[in-house]
Amino acid sequence: MSNLSIMVNDQLAYEYDRSTKLDEKQLAFLDKMDSDMDRGFRIHGELISKPDRKQKSAFVAMNLLKALKQEDPAKIAVSCAYLVNRLPHAIELHAKDQDGRISIEFIDEH
């Protein structure tokens, strides 16, 4: 299985091994993340009160970008683990800064 490549403004920022195995405790933490996000969150100031999987993944991707800037390996790892677990076919995440707003796009394997 290939890596999840994190691209920021067309530059490779990070790669995560998609074959990384998670134990039960780690999987339970991902489930807790889902239940916490089910209560809603804001993206670009917009309240998402009942987020779907795509919106949750975009929110986690935003947090991943923040963790990369802060060089926080624990948050980077959990964010990547969430994304590959919830989006198993995603092989790339593209984030672009457009006029102060970050756009997120996931690319699936073919």
PDB file of N, CA and C in Angstrom:
ATOM      1  N   MET A   1       0.851  -1.180   0.000  1.00  0.00           N
ATOM      2  CA  MET A   1       0.000   0.000   0.000  1.00  0.00           C
ATOM      3  C   MET A   1       0.894   1.238   0.000  1.00  0.00           C
ATOM      4  N   SER A   2       0.467   2.279  -0.643  1.00  0.00           N
ATOM      5  CA  SER A   2       1.263   3.491  -0.780  1.00  0.00           C
ATOM      6  C   SER A   2       1.058   4.437   0.399  1.00  0.00           C
ATOM      7  N   ASN A   3       1.723   5.547   0.315  1.00  0.00           N
ATOM      8  CA  ASN A   3       1.621   6.567   1.351  1.00  0.00           C
ATOM      9  C   ASN A   3       0.465   7.519   1.076  1.00  0.00           C
ATOM     10  N   LEU A   4       0.071   8.236   2.118  1.00  0.00           N
ATOM     11  CA  LEU A   4      -0.798   9.398   1.967  1.00  0.00           C
ATOM     12  C   LEU A   4       0.147  10.586   1.873  1.00  0.00           C
ATOM     13  N   SER A   5       0.139  11.265   0.738  1.00  0.00           N
ATOM     14  CA  SER A   5       1.007  12.420   0.525  1.00  0.00           C
ATOM     15  C   SER A   5       0.232  13.690   0.834  1.00  0.00           C
ATOM     16  N   ILE A   6       0.819  14.537   1.660  1.00  0.00           N
ATOM     17  CA  ILE A   6       0.208  15.813   2.026  1.00  0.00           C
ATOM     18  C   ILE A   6       0.922  16.897   1.226  1.00  0.00           C
ATOM     19  N   MET A   7       0.179  17.524   0.326  1.00  0.00           N
ATOM     20  CA  MET A   7       0.722  18.567  -0.533  1.00  0.00           C
ATOM     21  C   MET A   7       0.156  19.917  -0.081  1.00  0.00           C
ATOM     22  N   VAL A   8       1.043  20.872   0.169  1.00  0.00           N
ATOM     23  CA  VAL A   8       0.621  22.212   0.558  1.00  0.00           C
ATOM     24  C   VAL A   8       1.157  23.176  -0.490  1.00  0.00           C
ATOM     25  N   ASN A   9       0.245  23.869  -1.154  1.00  0.00           N
ATOM     26  CA  ASN A   9       0.606  24.778  -2.246  1.00  0.00           C
ATOM     27  C   ASN A   9       1.539  24.084  -3.244  1.00  0.00           C
ATOM     28  N   ASP A  10       1.156  22.872  -3.629  1.00  0.00           N
ATOM     29  CA  ASP A  10       1.860  22.060  -4.629  1.00  0.00           C
ATOM     30  C   ASP A  10       3.249  21.578  -4.197  1.00  0.00           C
ATOM     31  N   GLN A  11       3.559  21.681  -2.913  1.00  0.00           N
ATOM     32  CA  GLN A  11       4.826  21.187  -2.379  1.00  0.00           C
ATOM     33  C   GLN A  11       4.546  20.032  -1.425  1.00  0.00           C
ATOM     34  N   LEU A  12       5.334  18.962  -1.519  1.00  0.00           N
ATOM     35  CA  LEU A  12       5.174  17.840  -0.606  1.00  0.00           C
ATOM     36  C   LEU A  12       5.570  18.285   0.799  1.00  0.00           C
ATOM     37  N   ALA A  13       4.616  18.203   1.734  1.00  0.00           N
ATOM     38  CA  ALA A  13       4.867  18.634   3.108  1.00  0.00           C
ATOM     39  C   ALA A  13       5.069  17.457   4.052  1.00  0.00           C
ATOM     40  N   TYR A  14       4.447  16.309   3.732  1.00  0.00           N
ATOM     41  CA  TYR A  14       4.520  15.161   4.649  1.00  0.00           C
ATOM     42  C   TYR A  14       4.014  13.923   3.928  1.00  0.00           C
ATOM     43  N   GLU A  15       4.535  12.773   4.323  1.00  0.00           N
ATOM     44  CA  GLU A  15       4.025  11.493   3.825  1.00  0.00           C
ATOM     45  C   GLU A  15       3.752  10.586   5.014  1.00  0.00           C
ATOM     46  N   TYR A  16       2.619   9.897   4.961  1.00  0.00           N
ATOM     47  CA  TYR A  16       2.206   8.988   6.033  1.00  0.00           C
ATOM     48  C   TYR A  16       1.992   7.607   5.432  1.00  0.00           C
ATOM     49  N   ASP A  17       2.555   6.605   6.065  1.00  0.00           N
ATOM     50  CA  ASP A  17       2.430   5.222   5.600  1.00  0.00           C
ATOM     51  C   ASP A  17       1.005   4.736   5.853  1.00  0.00           C
ATOM     52  N   ARG A  18       0.248   4.552   4.773  1.00  0.00           N
ATOM     53  CA  ARG A  18      -1.152   4.133   4.898  1.00  0.00           C
ATOM     54  C   ARG A  18      -1.297   2.736   5.476  1.00  0.00           C
ATOM     55  N   SER A  19      -0.241   1.943   5.483  1.00  0.00           N
ATOM     56  CA  SER A  19      -0.338   0.580   6.017  1.00  0.00           C
ATOM     57  C   SER A  19      -0.080   0.516   7.524  1.00  0.00           C
ATOM     58  N   THR A  20       0.127   1.658   8.161  1.00  0.00           N
ATOM     59  CA  THR A  20       0.352   1.683   9.606  1.00  0.00           C
ATOM     60  C   THR A  20      -0.842   1.059  10.319  1.00  0.00           C
ATOM     61  N   LYS A  21      -0.567   0.072  11.146  1.00  0.00           N
ATOM     62  CA  LYS A  21      -1.626  -0.624  11.898  1.00  0.00           C
ATOM     63  C   LYS A  21      -1.917   0.132  13.190  1.00  0.00           C
ATOM     64  N   LEU A  22      -3.200   0.243  13.512  1.00  0.00           N
ATOM     65  CA  LEU A  22      -3.626   0.897  14.746  1.00  0.00           C
ATOM     66  C   LEU A  22      -4.156  -0.152  15.708  1.00  0.00           C
ATOM     67  N   ASP A  23      -3.873   0.042  17.001  1.00  0.00           N
ATOM     68  CA  ASP A  23      -4.410  -0.891  17.991  1.00  0.00           C
ATOM     69  C   ASP A  23      -5.820  -0.450  18.397  1.00  0.00           C
ATOM     70  N   GLU A  24      -6.461  -1.231  19.254  1.00  0.00           N
ATOM     71  CA  GLU A  24      -7.849  -0.949  19.644  1.00  0.00           C
ATOM     72  C   GLU A  24      -7.998   0.414  20.310  1.00  0.00           C
ATOM     73  N   LYS A  25      -7.035   0.785  21.131  1.00  0.00           N
ATOM     74  CA  LYS A  25      -7.091   2.079  21.823  1.00  0.00           C
ATOM     75  C   LYS A  25      -7.027   3.231  20.815  1.00  0.00           C
ATOM     76  N   GLN A  26      -6.160   3.091  19.831  1.00  0.00           N
ATOM     77  CA  GLN A  26      -6.035   4.133  18.812  1.00  0.00           C
ATOM     78  C   GLN A  26      -7.297   4.226  17.961  1.00  0.00           C
ATOM     79  N   LEU A  27      -7.862   3.072  17.593  1.00  0.00           N
ATOM     80  CA  LEU A  27      -9.107   3.074  16.824  1.00  0.00           C
ATOM     81  C   LEU A  27     -10.247   3.685  17.631  1.00  0.00           C
ATOM     82  N   ALA A  28     -10.280   3.407  18.934  1.00  0.00           N
ATOM     83  CA  ALA A  28     -11.306   3.990  19.804  1.00  0.00           C
ATOM     84  C   ALA A  28     -11.157   5.513  19.851  1.00  0.00           C
ATOM     85  N   PHE A  29      -9.917   5.999  19.824  1.00  0.00           N
ATOM     86  CA  PHE A  29      -9.700   7.440  19.828  1.00  0.00           C
ATOM     87  C   PHE A  29     -10.238   8.070  18.545  1.00  0.00           C
ATOM     88  N   LEU A  30     -10.063   7.390  17.412  1.00  0.00           N
ATOM     89  CA  LEU A  30     -10.616   7.907  16.151  1.00  0.00           C
ATOM     90  C   LEU A  30     -12.139   7.957  16.219  1.00  0.00           C
ATOM     91  N   ASP A  31     -12.748   6.948  16.838  1.00  0.00           N
ATOM     92  CA  ASP A  31     -14.208   6.951  17.021  1.00  0.00           C
ATOM     93  C   ASP A  31     -14.637   8.110  17.912  1.00  0.00           C
ATOM     94  N   LYS A  32     -13.832   8.405  18.950  1.00  0.00           N
ATOM     95  CA  LYS A  32     -14.141   9.534  19.836  1.00  0.00           C
ATOM     96  C   LYS A  32     -14.041  10.847  19.064  1.00  0.00           C
ATOM     97  N   MET A  33     -13.052  10.945  18.191  1.00  0.00           N
ATOM     98  CA  MET A  33     -12.944  12.142  17.350  1.00  0.00           C
ATOM     99  C   MET A  33     -14.224  12.323  16.543  1.00  0.00           C
ATOM    100  N   ASP A  34     -14.715  11.226  15.955  1.00  0.00           N
ATOM    101  CA  ASP A  34     -15.960  11.289  15.182  1.00  0.00           C
ATOM    102  C   ASP A  34     -17.122  11.762  16.045  1.00  0.00           C
ATOM    103  N   SER A  35     -17.267  11.179  17.229  1.00  0.00           N
ATOM    104  CA  SER A  35     -18.405  11.559  18.080  1.00  0.00           C
ATOM    105  C   SER A  35     -18.274  13.006  18.543  1.00  0.00           C
ATOM    106  N   ASP A  36     -17.049  13.467  18.811  1.00  0.00           N
ATOM    107  CA  ASP A  36     -16.855  14.875  19.177  1.00  0.00           C
ATOM    108  C   ASP A  36     -17.239  15.788  18.011  1.00  0.00           C
ATOM    109  N   MET A  37     -16.856  15.415  16.800  1.00  0.00           N
ATOM    110  CA  MET A  37     -17.179  16.244  15.632  1.00  0.00           C
ATOM    111  C   MET A  37     -18.664  16.200  15.294  1.00  0.00           C
ATOM    112  N   ASP A  38     -19.355  15.128  15.699  1.00  0.00           N
ATOM    113  CA  ASP A  38     -20.799  15.040  15.455  1.00  0.00           C
ATOM    114  C   ASP A  38     -21.554  16.197  16.106  1.00  0.00           C
ATOM    115  N   ARG A  39     -20.950  16.817  17.115  1.00  0.00           N
ATOM    116  CA  ARG A  39     -21.585  17.961  17.797  1.00  0.00           C
ATOM    117  C   ARG A  39     -21.464  19.247  16.996  1.00  0.00           C
ATOM    118  N   GLY A  40     -20.657  19.208  15.943  1.00  0.00           N
ATOM    119  CA  GLY A  40     -20.510  20.379  15.083  1.00  0.00           C
ATOM    120  C   GLY A  40     -19.181  21.085  15.291  1.00  0.00           C
ATOM    121  N   PHE A  41     -18.830  21.910  14.312  1.00  0.00           N
ATOM    122  CA  PHE A  41     -17.593  22.684  14.350  1.00  0.00           C
ATOM    123  C   PHE A  41     -17.692  23.776  13.298  1.00  0.00           C
ATOM    124  N   ARG A  42     -16.708  24.645  13.284  1.00  0.00           N
ATOM    125  CA  ARG A  42     -16.672  25.735  12.306  1.00  0.00           C
ATOM    126  C   ARG A  42     -15.530  25.518  11.318  1.00  0.00           C
ATOM    127  N   ILE A  43     -15.837  25.754  10.051  1.00  0.00           N
ATOM    128  CA  ILE A  43     -14.824  25.798   8.997  1.00  0.00           C
ATOM    129  C   ILE A  43     -14.999  27.133   8.291  1.00  0.00           C
ATOM    130  N   HIS A  44     -13.919  27.922   8.231  1.00  0.00           N
ATOM    131  CA  HIS A  44     -13.957  29.257   7.621  1.00  0.00           C
ATOM    132  C   HIS A  44     -15.082  30.098   8.231  1.00  0.00           C
ATOM    133  N   GLY A  45     -15.309  29.941   9.535  1.00  0.00           N
ATOM    134  CA  GLY A  45     -16.331  30.719  10.218  1.00  0.00           C
ATOM    135  C   GLY A  45     -17.745  30.199  10.058  1.00  0.00           C
ATOM    136  N   GLU A  46     -17.933  29.197   9.210  1.00  0.00           N
ATOM    137  CA  GLU A  46     -19.268  28.635   8.980  1.00  0.00           C
ATOM    138  C   GLU A  46     -19.501  27.470   9.932  1.00  0.00           C
ATOM    139  N   LEU A  47     -20.621  27.524  10.653  1.00  0.00           N
ATOM    140  CA  LEU A  47     -20.970  26.449  11.574  1.00  0.00           C
ATOM    141  C   LEU A  47     -21.499  25.254  10.790  1.00  0.00           C
ATOM    142  N   ILE A  48     -20.861  24.116  10.980  1.00  0.00           N
ATOM    143  CA  ILE A  48     -21.311  22.852  10.393  1.00  0.00           C
ATOM    144  C   ILE A  48     -21.910  22.072  11.556  1.00  0.00           C
ATOM    145  N   SER A  49     -23.239  22.064  11.657  1.00  0.00           N
ATOM    146  CA  SER A  49     -23.880  21.468  12.834  1.00  0.00           C
ATOM    147  C   SER A  49     -24.053  19.960  12.731  1.00  0.00           C
ATOM    148  N   LYS A  50     -24.185  19.447  11.522  1.00  0.00           N
ATOM    149  CA  LYS A  50     -24.319  17.993  11.318  1.00  0.00           C
ATOM    150  C   LYS A  50     -23.355  17.567  10.213  1.00  0.00           C
ATOM    151  N   PRO A  51     -22.075  17.490  10.556  1.00  0.00           N
ATOM    152  CA  PRO A  51     -21.079  17.219   9.517  1.00  0.00           C
ATOM    153  C   PRO A  51     -21.144  15.795   8.977  1.00  0.00           C
ATOM    154  N   ASP A  52     -20.896  15.694   7.669  1.00  0.00           N
ATOM    155  CA  ASP A  52     -20.781  14.377   7.043  1.00  0.00           C
ATOM    156  C   ASP A  52     -19.300  13.973   7.029  1.00  0.00           C
ATOM    157  N   ARG A  53     -19.020  12.805   6.495  1.00  0.00           N
ATOM    158  CA  ARG A  53     -17.648  12.285   6.491  1.00  0.00           C
ATOM    159  C   ARG A  53     -16.689  13.223   5.757  1.00  0.00           C
ATOM    160  N   LYS A  54     -17.131  13.792   4.639  1.00  0.00           N
ATOM    161  CA  LYS A  54     -16.284  14.697   3.864  1.00  0.00           C
ATOM    162  C   LYS A  54     -15.954  15.958   4.667  1.00  0.00           C
ATOM    163  N   GLN A  55     -16.946  16.521   5.342  1.00  0.00           N
ATOM    164  CA  GLN A  55     -16.720  17.722   6.142  1.00  0.00           C
ATOM    165  C   GLN A  55     -15.817  17.425   7.338  1.00  0.00           C
ATOM    166  N   LYS A  56     -16.021  16.269   7.963  1.00  0.00           N
ATOM    167  CA  LYS A  56     -15.146  15.879   9.078  1.00  0.00           C
ATOM    168  C   LYS A  56     -13.709  15.728   8.587  1.00  0.00           C
ATOM    169  N   SER A  57     -13.543  15.110   7.438  1.00  0.00           N
ATOM    170  CA  SER A  57     -12.199  14.912   6.892  1.00  0.00           C
ATOM    171  C   SER A  57     -11.537  16.248   6.561  1.00  0.00           C
ATOM    172  N   ALA A  58     -12.300  17.188   6.035  1.00  0.00           N
ATOM    173  CA  ALA A  58     -11.760  18.521   5.748  1.00  0.00           C
ATOM    174  C   ALA A  58     -11.339  19.211   7.040  1.00  0.00           C
ATOM    175  N   PHE A  59     -12.139  19.071   8.096  1.00  0.00           N
ATOM    176  CA  PHE A  59     -11.817  19.661   9.394  1.00  0.00           C
ATOM    177  C   PHE A  59     -10.526  19.052   9.945  1.00  0.00           C
ATOM    178  N   VAL A  60     -10.410  17.730   9.867  1.00  0.00           N
ATOM    179  CA  VAL A  60      -9.194  17.057  10.336  1.00  0.00           C
ATOM    180  C   VAL A  60      -7.996  17.492   9.488  1.00  0.00           C
ATOM    181  N   ALA A  61      -8.202  17.649   8.187  1.00  0.00           N
ATOM    182  CA  ALA A  61      -7.120  18.105   7.311  1.00  0.00           C
ATOM    183  C   ALA A  61      -6.653  19.502   7.705  1.00  0.00           C
ATOM    184  N   MET A  62      -7.582  20.380   8.056  1.00  0.00           N
ATOM    185  CA  MET A  62      -7.211  21.727   8.519  1.00  0.00           C
ATOM    186  C   MET A  62      -6.363  21.633   9.786  1.00  0.00           C
ATOM    187  N   ASN A  63      -6.768  20.748  10.700  1.00  0.00           N
ATOM    188  CA  ASN A  63      -5.990  20.561  11.925  1.00  0.00           C
ATOM    189  C   ASN A  63      -4.626  19.943  11.630  1.00  0.00           C
ATOM    190  N   LEU A  64      -4.563  19.089  10.621  1.00  0.00           N
ATOM    191  CA  LEU A  64      -3.283  18.514  10.207  1.00  0.00           C
ATOM    192  C   LEU A  64      -2.350  19.613   9.708  1.00  0.00           C
ATOM    193  N   LEU A  65      -2.864  20.528   8.916  1.00  0.00           N
ATOM    194  CA  LEU A  65      -2.033  21.630   8.415  1.00  0.00           C
ATOM    195  C   LEU A  65      -1.493  22.466   9.566  1.00  0.00           C
ATOM    196  N   LYS A  66      -2.337  22.720  10.549  1.00  0.00           N
ATOM    197  CA  LYS A  66      -1.909  23.469  11.735  1.00  0.00           C
ATOM    198  C   LYS A  66      -0.822  22.695  12.481  1.00  0.00           C
ATOM    199  N   ALA A  67      -1.007  21.387  12.635  1.00  0.00           N
ATOM    200  CA  ALA A  67      -0.019  20.551  13.328  1.00  0.00           C
ATOM    201  C   ALA A  67       1.312  20.533  12.575  1.00  0.00           C
ATOM    202  N   LEU A  68       1.254  20.522  11.250  1.00  0.00           N
ATOM    203  CA  LEU A  68       2.483  20.566  10.457  1.00  0.00           C
ATOM    204  C   LEU A  68       3.227  21.878  10.691  1.00  0.00           C
ATOM    205  N   LYS A  69       2.498  22.988  10.731  1.00  0.00           N
ATOM    206  CA  LYS A  69       3.126  24.289  10.992  1.00  0.00           C
ATOM    207  C   LYS A  69       3.752  24.327  12.376  1.00  0.00           C
ATOM    208  N   GLN A  70       3.072  23.706  13.343  1.00  0.00           N
ATOM    209  CA  GLN A  70       3.553  23.704  14.727  1.00  0.00           C
ATOM    210  C   GLN A  70       4.557  22.582  14.996  1.00  0.00           C
ATOM    211  N   GLU A  71       4.794  21.745  13.985  1.00  0.00           N
ATOM    212  CA  GLU A  71       5.700  20.602  14.114  1.00  0.00           C
ATOM    213  C   GLU A  71       5.325  19.741  15.317  1.00  0.00           C
ATOM    214  N   ASP A  72       4.043  19.371  15.379  1.00  0.00           N
ATOM    215  CA  ASP A  72       3.494  18.566  16.475  1.00  0.00           C
ATOM    216  C   ASP A  72       3.305  17.127  15.990  1.00  0.00           C
ATOM    217  N   PRO A  73       4.293  16.245  16.237  1.00  0.00           N
ATOM    218  CA  PRO A  73       4.229  14.892  15.673  1.00  0.00           C
ATOM    219  C   PRO A  73       3.025  14.077  16.134  1.00  0.00           C
ATOM    220  N   ALA A  74       2.564  14.256  17.358  1.00  0.00           N
ATOM    221  CA  ALA A  74       1.406  13.484  17.843  1.00  0.00           C
ATOM    222  C   ALA A  74       0.144  13.873  17.085  1.00  0.00           C
ATOM    223  N   LYS A  75      -0.080  15.179  16.914  1.00  0.00           N
ATOM    224  CA  LYS A  75      -1.271  15.634  16.186  1.00  0.00           C
ATOM    225  C   LYS A  75      -1.178  15.289  14.702  1.00  0.00           C
ATOM    226  N   ILE A  76       0.025  15.330  14.160  1.00  0.00           N
ATOM    227  CA  ILE A  76       0.211  14.945  12.759  1.00  0.00           C
ATOM    228  C   ILE A  76      -0.171  13.482  12.586  1.00  0.00           C
ATOM    229  N   ALA A  77       0.331  12.634  13.477  1.00  0.00           N
ATOM    230  CA  ALA A  77       0.075  11.194  13.374  1.00  0.00           C
ATOM    231  C   ALA A  77      -1.404  10.870  13.518  1.00  0.00           C
ATOM    232  N   VAL A  78      -2.073  11.460  14.514  1.00  0.00           N
ATOM    233  CA  VAL A  78      -3.494  11.138  14.718  1.00  0.00           C
ATOM    234  C   VAL A  78      -4.341  11.680  13.571  1.00  0.00           C
ATOM    235  N   SER A  79      -3.994  12.840  13.053  1.00  0.00           N
ATOM    236  CA  SER A  79      -4.743  13.396  11.922  1.00  0.00           C
ATOM    237  C   SER A  79      -4.593  12.509  10.690  1.00  0.00           C
ATOM    238  N   CYS A  80      -3.373  12.092  10.407  1.00  0.00           N
ATOM    239  CA  CYS A  80      -3.145  11.206   9.258  1.00  0.00           C
ATOM    240  C   CYS A  80      -3.835   9.863   9.461  1.00  0.00           C
ATOM    241  N   ALA A  81      -3.750   9.322  10.675  1.00  0.00           N
ATOM    242  CA  ALA A  81      -4.406   8.038  10.961  1.00  0.00           C
ATOM    243  C   ALA A  81      -5.908   8.148  10.738  1.00  0.00           C
ATOM    244  N   TYR A  82      -6.504   9.254  11.177  1.00  0.00           N
ATOM    245  CA  TYR A  82      -7.939   9.464  10.973  1.00  0.00           C
ATOM    246  C   TYR A  82      -8.253   9.474   9.474  1.00  0.00           C
ATOM    247  N   LEU A  83      -7.490  10.239   8.726  1.00  0.00           N
ATOM    248  CA  LEU A  83      -7.776  10.389   7.297  1.00  0.00           C
ATOM    249  C   LEU A  83      -7.650   9.071   6.544  1.00  0.00           C
ATOM    250  N   VAL A  84      -6.600   8.294   6.809  1.00  0.00           N
ATOM    251  CA  VAL A  84      -6.458   7.035   6.066  1.00  0.00           C
ATOM    252  C   VAL A  84      -7.473   5.998   6.533  1.00  0.00           C
ATOM    253  N   ASN A  85      -7.917   6.105   7.788  1.00  0.00           N
ATOM    254  CA  ASN A  85      -8.920   5.169   8.293  1.00  0.00           C
ATOM    255  C   ASN A  85     -10.301   5.496   7.738  1.00  0.00           C
ATOM    256  N   ARG A  86     -10.640   6.774   7.669  1.00  0.00           N
ATOM    257  CA  ARG A  86     -11.971   7.184   7.221  1.00  0.00           C
ATOM    258  C   ARG A  86     -12.063   7.361   5.707  1.00  0.00           C
ATOM    259  N   LEU A  87     -10.938   7.600   5.072  1.00  0.00           N
ATOM    260  CA  LEU A  87     -10.876   7.751   3.606  1.00  0.00           C
ATOM    261  C   LEU A  87      -9.835   6.764   3.077  1.00  0.00           C
ATOM    262  N   PRO A  88     -10.138   5.470   3.105  1.00  0.00           N
ATOM    263  CA  PRO A  88      -9.124   4.457   2.801  1.00  0.00           C
ATOM    264  C   PRO A  88      -8.576   4.497   1.374  1.00  0.00           C
ATOM    265  N   HIS A  89      -9.262   5.157   0.462  1.00  0.00           N
ATOM    266  CA  HIS A  89      -8.787   5.211  -0.922  1.00  0.00           C
ATOM    267  C   HIS A  89      -8.013   6.492  -1.227  1.00  0.00           C
ATOM    268  N   ALA A  90      -7.951   7.408  -0.268  1.00  0.00           N
ATOM    269  CA  ALA A  90      -7.232   8.665  -0.491  1.00  0.00           C
ATOM    270  C   ALA A  90      -5.728   8.409  -0.493  1.00  0.00           C
ATOM    271  N   ILE A  91      -5.061   8.919  -1.505  1.00  0.00           N
ATOM    272  CA  ILE A  91      -3.609   8.787  -1.574  1.00  0.00           C
ATOM    273  C   ILE A  91      -2.912  10.147  -1.508  1.00  0.00           C
ATOM    274  N   GLU A  92      -3.676  11.214  -1.736  1.00  0.00           N
ATOM    275  CA  GLU A  92      -3.107  12.559  -1.656  1.00  0.00           C
ATOM    276  C   GLU A  92      -4.111  13.511  -1.037  1.00  0.00           C
ATOM    277  N   LEU A  93      -3.571  14.457  -0.288  1.00  0.00           N
ATOM    278  CA  LEU A  93      -4.344  15.576   0.231  1.00  0.00           C
ATOM    279  C   LEU A  93      -3.682  16.816  -0.326  1.00  0.00           C
ATOM    280  N   HIS A  94      -4.454  17.634  -1.030  1.00  0.00           N
ATOM    281  CA  HIS A  94      -3.935  18.879  -1.582  1.00  0.00           C
ATOM    282  C   HIS A  94      -4.575  20.039  -0.830  1.00  0.00           C
ATOM    283  N   ALA A  95      -3.732  20.870  -0.248  1.00  0.00           N
ATOM    284  CA  ALA A  95      -4.202  22.067   0.448  1.00  0.00           C
ATOM    285  C   ALA A  95      -3.589  23.271  -0.254  1.00  0.00           C
ATOM    286  N   LYS A  96      -4.442  24.238  -0.561  1.00  0.00           N
ATOM    287  CA  LYS A  96      -3.962  25.449  -1.223  1.00  0.00           C
ATOM    288  C   LYS A  96      -4.495  26.660  -0.482  1.00  0.00           C
ATOM    289  N   ASP A  97      -3.604  27.616  -0.285  1.00  0.00           N
ATOM    290  CA  ASP A  97      -3.973  28.874   0.339  1.00  0.00           C
ATOM    291  C   ASP A  97      -4.415  29.811  -0.777  1.00  0.00           C
ATOM    292  N   GLN A  98      -5.705  30.157  -0.768  1.00  0.00           N
ATOM    293  CA  GLN A  98      -6.250  31.041  -1.792  1.00  0.00           C
ATOM    294  C   GLN A  98      -6.867  32.255  -1.113  1.00  0.00           C
ATOM    295  N   ASP A  99      -6.139  33.366  -1.154  1.00  0.00           N
ATOM    296  CA  ASP A  99      -6.615  34.616  -0.553  1.00  0.00           C
ATOM    297  C   ASP A  99      -6.971  34.434   0.920  1.00  0.00           C
ATOM    298  N   GLY A 100      -6.114  33.749   1.658  1.00  0.00           N
ATOM    299  CA  GLY A 100      -6.338  33.579   3.089  1.00  0.00           C
ATOM    300  C   GLY A 100      -7.277  32.448   3.459  1.00  0.00           C
ATOM    301  N   ARG A 101      -7.877  31.802   2.484  1.00  0.00           N
ATOM    302  CA  ARG A 101      -8.742  30.638   2.744  1.00  0.00           C
ATOM    303  C   ARG A 101      -8.043  29.400   2.224  1.00  0.00           C
ATOM    304  N   ILE A 102      -8.099  28.356   3.009  1.00  0.00           N
ATOM    305  CA  ILE A 102      -7.467  27.099   2.619  1.00  0.00           C
ATOM    306  C   ILE A 102      -8.499  26.226   1.915  1.00  0.00           C
ATOM    307  N   SER A 103      -8.145  25.759   0.726  1.00  0.00           N
ATOM    308  CA  SER A 103      -9.006  24.787   0.045  1.00  0.00           C
ATOM    309  C   SER A 103      -8.370  23.411   0.216  1.00  0.00           C
ATOM    310  N   ILE A 104      -9.222  22.416   0.401  1.00  0.00           N
ATOM    311  CA  ILE A 104      -8.782  21.044   0.642  1.00  0.00           C
ATOM    312  C   ILE A 104      -9.360  20.153  -0.448  1.00  0.00           C
ATOM    313  N   GLU A 105      -8.518  19.295  -1.007  1.00  0.00           N
ATOM    314  CA  GLU A 105      -8.982  18.315  -1.992  1.00  0.00           C
ATOM    315  C   GLU A 105      -8.286  16.990  -1.713  1.00  0.00           C
ATOM    316  N   PHE A 106      -9.066  15.917  -1.722  1.00  0.00           N
ATOM    317  CA  PHE A 106      -8.523  14.574  -1.557  1.00  0.00           C
ATOM    318  C   PHE A 106      -8.505  13.888  -2.917  1.00  0.00           C
ATOM    319  N   ILE A 107      -7.400  13.221  -3.217  1.00  0.00           N
ATOM    320  CA  ILE A 107      -7.253  12.470  -4.458  1.00  0.00           C
ATOM    321  C   ILE A 107      -7.252  10.988  -4.101  1.00  0.00           C
ATOM    322  N   ASP A 108      -8.147  10.234  -4.747  1.00  0.00           N
ATOM    323  CA  ASP A 108      -8.243   8.798  -4.499  1.00  0.00           C
ATOM    324  C   ASP A 108      -7.360   8.028  -5.467  1.00  0.00           C
ATOM    325  N   GLU A 109      -6.970   6.817  -5.039  1.00  0.00           N
ATOM    326  CA  GLU A 109      -6.209   5.942  -5.928  1.00  0.00           C
ATOM    327  C   GLU A 109      -7.123   5.470  -7.053  1.00  0.00           C
ATOM    328  N   HIS A 110      -6.522   5.144  -8.164  1.00  0.00           N
ATOM    329  CA  HIS A 110      -7.312   4.706  -9.327  1.00  0.00           C
ATOM    330  C   HIS A 110      -7.259   3.219  -9.471  1.00  0.00           C
TER     331      HIS A 110
END
